């Protein structure tokens, strides 16, 4: 059993549906929530995933979603998190 980094609940690592969720130690529910949120971010920010800077910005949103980075940096520049 592991503890989800987002919600704090215990989950069984053997029952993980998407192997990518392991990088943030997230349960299936939180990972599904992130994937839905990521689509919303991509659409609202009009990210083009063929651009490295857009992929980097989405990664910052991902880290903020899981509580690893501060959301304050997005107030400066939501597309890159930079001044």
N, C-alpha and C. Protein backbone atom coordinates (compact mmCIF):
# COMPACT_ATOMS: atom_id res chain seq x y z
N UNK A 1 0.83 -1.19 0.00
CA UNK A 1 0.00 0.00 0.00
C UNK A 1 0.88 1.25 0.00
N UNK A 2 0.45 2.23 -0.77
CA UNK A 2 1.11 3.52 -0.83
C UNK A 2 0.09 4.61 -0.49
N UNK A 3 0.60 5.80 -0.22
CA UNK A 3 -0.27 6.93 0.07
C UNK A 3 -0.24 7.89 -1.12
N UNK A 4 -1.40 8.29 -1.58
CA UNK A 4 -1.52 9.21 -2.71
C UNK A 4 -0.99 10.57 -2.31
N UNK A 5 -0.16 11.15 -3.16
CA UNK A 5 0.43 12.46 -2.87
C UNK A 5 -0.58 13.59 -2.99
N UNK A 6 -1.68 13.36 -3.68
CA UNK A 6 -2.70 14.40 -3.88
C UNK A 6 -3.76 14.37 -2.79
N UNK A 7 -4.38 13.21 -2.57
CA UNK A 7 -5.51 13.13 -1.63
C UNK A 7 -5.14 12.54 -0.27
N UNK A 8 -4.00 11.86 -0.20
CA UNK A 8 -3.56 11.30 1.07
C UNK A 8 -4.16 9.95 1.42
N UNK A 9 -4.94 9.38 0.53
CA UNK A 9 -5.55 8.08 0.79
C UNK A 9 -4.59 6.94 0.43
N UNK A 10 -4.78 5.81 1.08
CA UNK A 10 -4.00 4.61 0.74
C UNK A 10 -4.52 4.03 -0.56
N UNK A 11 -3.62 3.51 -1.37
CA UNK A 11 -4.03 2.81 -2.59
C UNK A 11 -3.08 1.66 -2.84
N UNK A 12 -3.58 0.67 -3.57
CA UNK A 12 -2.80 -0.51 -3.90
C UNK A 12 -2.08 -0.27 -5.22
N UNK A 13 -0.76 -0.25 -5.17
CA UNK A 13 0.04 0.03 -6.36
C UNK A 13 -0.19 -1.01 -7.46
N UNK A 14 -0.56 -2.21 -7.08
CA UNK A 14 -0.80 -3.27 -8.07
C UNK A 14 -2.07 -3.01 -8.89
N UNK A 15 -2.95 -2.14 -8.40
CA UNK A 15 -4.21 -1.87 -9.09
C UNK A 15 -4.19 -0.56 -9.89
N UNK A 16 -3.00 -0.03 -10.11
CA UNK A 16 -2.87 1.21 -10.87
C UNK A 16 -3.23 0.95 -12.32
N UNK A 17 -4.09 1.80 -12.87
CA UNK A 17 -4.54 1.63 -14.26
C UNK A 17 -3.58 2.25 -15.27
N UNK A 18 -2.94 3.36 -14.91
CA UNK A 18 -2.02 4.04 -15.82
C UNK A 18 -0.64 4.10 -15.18
N UNK A 19 0.35 3.43 -15.76
CA UNK A 19 1.69 3.40 -15.16
C UNK A 19 2.32 4.78 -14.99
N UNK A 20 1.88 5.78 -15.76
CA UNK A 20 2.44 7.13 -15.62
C UNK A 20 2.10 7.76 -14.27
N UNK A 21 1.04 7.28 -13.64
CA UNK A 21 0.63 7.86 -12.35
C UNK A 21 1.63 7.55 -11.23
N UNK A 22 2.49 6.60 -11.46
CA UNK A 22 3.46 6.21 -10.43
C UNK A 22 4.47 7.33 -10.16
N UNK A 23 4.76 8.17 -11.17
CA UNK A 23 5.78 9.22 -10.97
C UNK A 23 5.39 10.22 -9.89
N UNK A 24 4.08 10.38 -9.61
CA UNK A 24 3.64 11.28 -8.55
C UNK A 24 2.99 10.52 -7.39
N UNK A 25 3.10 9.23 -7.38
CA UNK A 25 2.48 8.40 -6.34
C UNK A 25 1.03 8.80 -6.15
N UNK A 26 0.26 8.73 -7.24
CA UNK A 26 -1.15 9.13 -7.15
C UNK A 26 -2.07 7.94 -7.40
N UNK A 27 -3.20 7.98 -6.72
CA UNK A 27 -4.20 6.93 -6.89
C UNK A 27 -4.89 7.10 -8.25
N UNK A 28 -5.66 6.11 -8.63
CA UNK A 28 -6.35 6.16 -9.92
C UNK A 28 -7.29 7.36 -10.03
N UNK A 29 -8.01 7.65 -8.95
CA UNK A 29 -8.97 8.77 -8.98
C UNK A 29 -8.27 10.10 -9.20
N UNK A 30 -7.19 10.35 -8.48
CA UNK A 30 -6.46 11.61 -8.62
C UNK A 30 -5.79 11.71 -9.98
N UNK A 31 -5.29 10.60 -10.49
CA UNK A 31 -4.66 10.64 -11.81
C UNK A 31 -5.70 10.92 -12.88
N UNK A 32 -6.88 10.35 -12.76
CA UNK A 32 -7.96 10.63 -13.72
C UNK A 32 -8.36 12.10 -13.63
N UNK A 33 -8.41 12.62 -12.41
CA UNK A 33 -8.72 14.04 -12.21
C UNK A 33 -7.67 14.90 -12.90
N UNK A 34 -6.38 14.53 -12.77
CA UNK A 34 -5.31 15.28 -13.43
C UNK A 34 -5.46 15.22 -14.95
N UNK A 35 -5.72 14.05 -15.50
CA UNK A 35 -5.79 13.95 -16.97
C UNK A 35 -6.94 14.79 -17.52
N UNK A 36 -8.05 14.85 -16.80
CA UNK A 36 -9.17 15.71 -17.22
C UNK A 36 -8.78 17.18 -17.11
N UNK A 37 -8.13 17.51 -16.01
CA UNK A 37 -7.69 18.89 -15.79
C UNK A 37 -6.65 19.29 -16.85
N UNK A 38 -5.77 18.39 -17.21
CA UNK A 38 -4.73 18.67 -18.21
C UNK A 38 -5.36 19.02 -19.56
N UNK A 39 -6.40 18.29 -19.93
CA UNK A 39 -7.09 18.60 -21.19
C UNK A 39 -7.68 20.00 -21.13
N UNK A 40 -8.26 20.35 -19.98
CA UNK A 40 -8.83 21.68 -19.81
C UNK A 40 -7.74 22.75 -19.92
N UNK A 41 -6.59 22.52 -19.29
CA UNK A 41 -5.48 23.47 -19.34
C UNK A 41 -4.99 23.62 -20.77
N UNK A 42 -4.79 22.52 -21.46
CA UNK A 42 -4.32 22.55 -22.85
C UNK A 42 -5.28 23.36 -23.72
N UNK A 43 -6.57 23.13 -23.55
CA UNK A 43 -7.55 23.84 -24.37
C UNK A 43 -7.67 25.31 -24.01
N UNK A 44 -7.75 25.62 -22.72
CA UNK A 44 -7.94 27.01 -22.31
C UNK A 44 -6.70 27.86 -22.57
N UNK A 45 -5.52 27.27 -22.39
CA UNK A 45 -4.29 28.02 -22.61
C UNK A 45 -3.85 27.93 -24.08
N UNK A 46 -4.57 27.14 -24.85
CA UNK A 46 -4.28 26.93 -26.28
C UNK A 46 -2.86 26.43 -26.50
N UNK A 47 -2.48 25.48 -25.65
CA UNK A 47 -1.16 24.87 -25.78
C UNK A 47 -1.11 23.99 -27.02
N UNK A 48 0.03 24.01 -27.67
CA UNK A 48 0.32 23.13 -28.80
C UNK A 48 1.46 22.22 -28.31
N UNK A 49 1.16 20.96 -28.11
CA UNK A 49 2.13 20.05 -27.52
C UNK A 49 3.32 19.76 -28.43
N UNK A 50 3.34 20.32 -29.63
CA UNK A 50 4.52 20.17 -30.48
C UNK A 50 5.61 21.19 -30.10
N UNK A 51 5.24 22.19 -29.27
CA UNK A 51 6.20 23.20 -28.83
C UNK A 51 6.77 22.81 -27.46
N UNK A 52 8.09 22.76 -27.35
CA UNK A 52 8.71 22.40 -26.06
C UNK A 52 8.30 23.32 -24.91
N UNK A 53 8.15 24.62 -25.19
CA UNK A 53 7.78 25.55 -24.12
C UNK A 53 6.35 25.30 -23.62
N UNK A 54 5.47 24.82 -24.48
CA UNK A 54 4.11 24.49 -24.05
C UNK A 54 4.10 23.20 -23.23
N UNK A 55 4.92 22.25 -23.62
CA UNK A 55 5.04 21.02 -22.82
C UNK A 55 5.61 21.33 -21.44
N UNK A 56 6.59 22.24 -21.40
CA UNK A 56 7.20 22.64 -20.13
C UNK A 56 6.17 23.34 -19.24
N UNK A 57 5.35 24.20 -19.83
CA UNK A 57 4.32 24.90 -19.06
C UNK A 57 3.28 23.92 -18.52
N UNK A 58 2.89 22.93 -19.32
CA UNK A 58 1.94 21.92 -18.84
C UNK A 58 2.55 21.12 -17.70
N UNK A 59 3.83 20.85 -17.78
CA UNK A 59 4.53 20.13 -16.71
C UNK A 59 4.47 20.93 -15.40
N UNK A 60 4.59 22.26 -15.51
CA UNK A 60 4.49 23.11 -14.32
C UNK A 60 3.09 23.03 -13.72
N UNK A 61 2.08 22.99 -14.57
CA UNK A 61 0.70 22.83 -14.09
C UNK A 61 0.54 21.48 -13.42
N UNK A 62 1.15 20.47 -14.00
CA UNK A 62 1.08 19.12 -13.43
C UNK A 62 1.70 19.08 -12.04
N UNK A 63 2.88 19.67 -11.90
CA UNK A 63 3.56 19.68 -10.61
C UNK A 63 2.77 20.49 -9.58
N UNK A 64 2.17 21.59 -10.01
CA UNK A 64 1.34 22.38 -9.10
C UNK A 64 0.09 21.61 -8.70
N UNK A 65 -0.49 20.88 -9.62
CA UNK A 65 -1.69 20.08 -9.33
C UNK A 65 -1.42 19.07 -8.22
N UNK A 66 -0.25 18.47 -8.27
CA UNK A 66 0.11 17.46 -7.27
C UNK A 66 0.80 18.06 -6.04
N UNK A 67 0.84 19.39 -5.97
CA UNK A 67 1.36 20.07 -4.79
C UNK A 67 2.86 20.11 -4.68
N UNK A 68 3.56 19.93 -5.78
CA UNK A 68 5.02 19.93 -5.75
C UNK A 68 5.61 21.30 -6.04
N UNK A 69 4.85 22.16 -6.72
CA UNK A 69 5.30 23.52 -7.02
C UNK A 69 4.21 24.49 -6.59
N UNK A 70 4.60 25.73 -6.41
CA UNK A 70 3.67 26.78 -6.01
C UNK A 70 2.87 27.25 -7.22
N UNK A 71 1.62 27.58 -6.99
CA UNK A 71 0.78 28.08 -8.06
C UNK A 71 1.01 29.58 -8.27
N UNK A 72 1.69 30.22 -7.36
CA UNK A 72 1.95 31.65 -7.45
C UNK A 72 2.71 32.02 -8.73
N UNK A 73 3.58 31.13 -9.19
CA UNK A 73 4.36 31.46 -10.38
C UNK A 73 3.49 31.61 -11.62
N UNK A 74 2.30 31.02 -11.62
CA UNK A 74 1.41 31.14 -12.79
C UNK A 74 0.78 32.52 -12.87
N UNK A 75 0.75 33.24 -11.76
CA UNK A 75 0.19 34.57 -11.78
C UNK A 75 1.09 35.53 -12.56
N UNK A 76 2.38 35.22 -12.61
CA UNK A 76 3.33 36.06 -13.36
C UNK A 76 3.11 35.89 -14.85
N UNK A 77 3.13 34.65 -15.30
CA UNK A 77 2.93 34.35 -16.72
C UNK A 77 2.38 32.94 -16.82
N UNK A 78 1.09 32.79 -17.03
CA UNK A 78 0.47 31.47 -16.99
C UNK A 78 0.99 30.48 -18.04
N UNK A 79 1.55 30.97 -19.13
CA UNK A 79 2.00 30.04 -20.16
C UNK A 79 3.36 29.43 -19.86
N UNK A 80 4.20 30.15 -19.14
CA UNK A 80 5.54 29.63 -18.88
C UNK A 80 5.89 29.59 -17.40
N UNK A 81 5.16 30.34 -16.58
CA UNK A 81 5.49 30.41 -15.18
C UNK A 81 6.71 31.27 -14.91
N UNK A 82 7.10 32.09 -15.91
CA UNK A 82 8.28 32.95 -15.77
C UNK A 82 7.85 34.41 -15.83
N UNK A 83 8.75 35.31 -15.40
CA UNK A 83 8.46 36.76 -15.46
C UNK A 83 8.37 37.24 -16.87
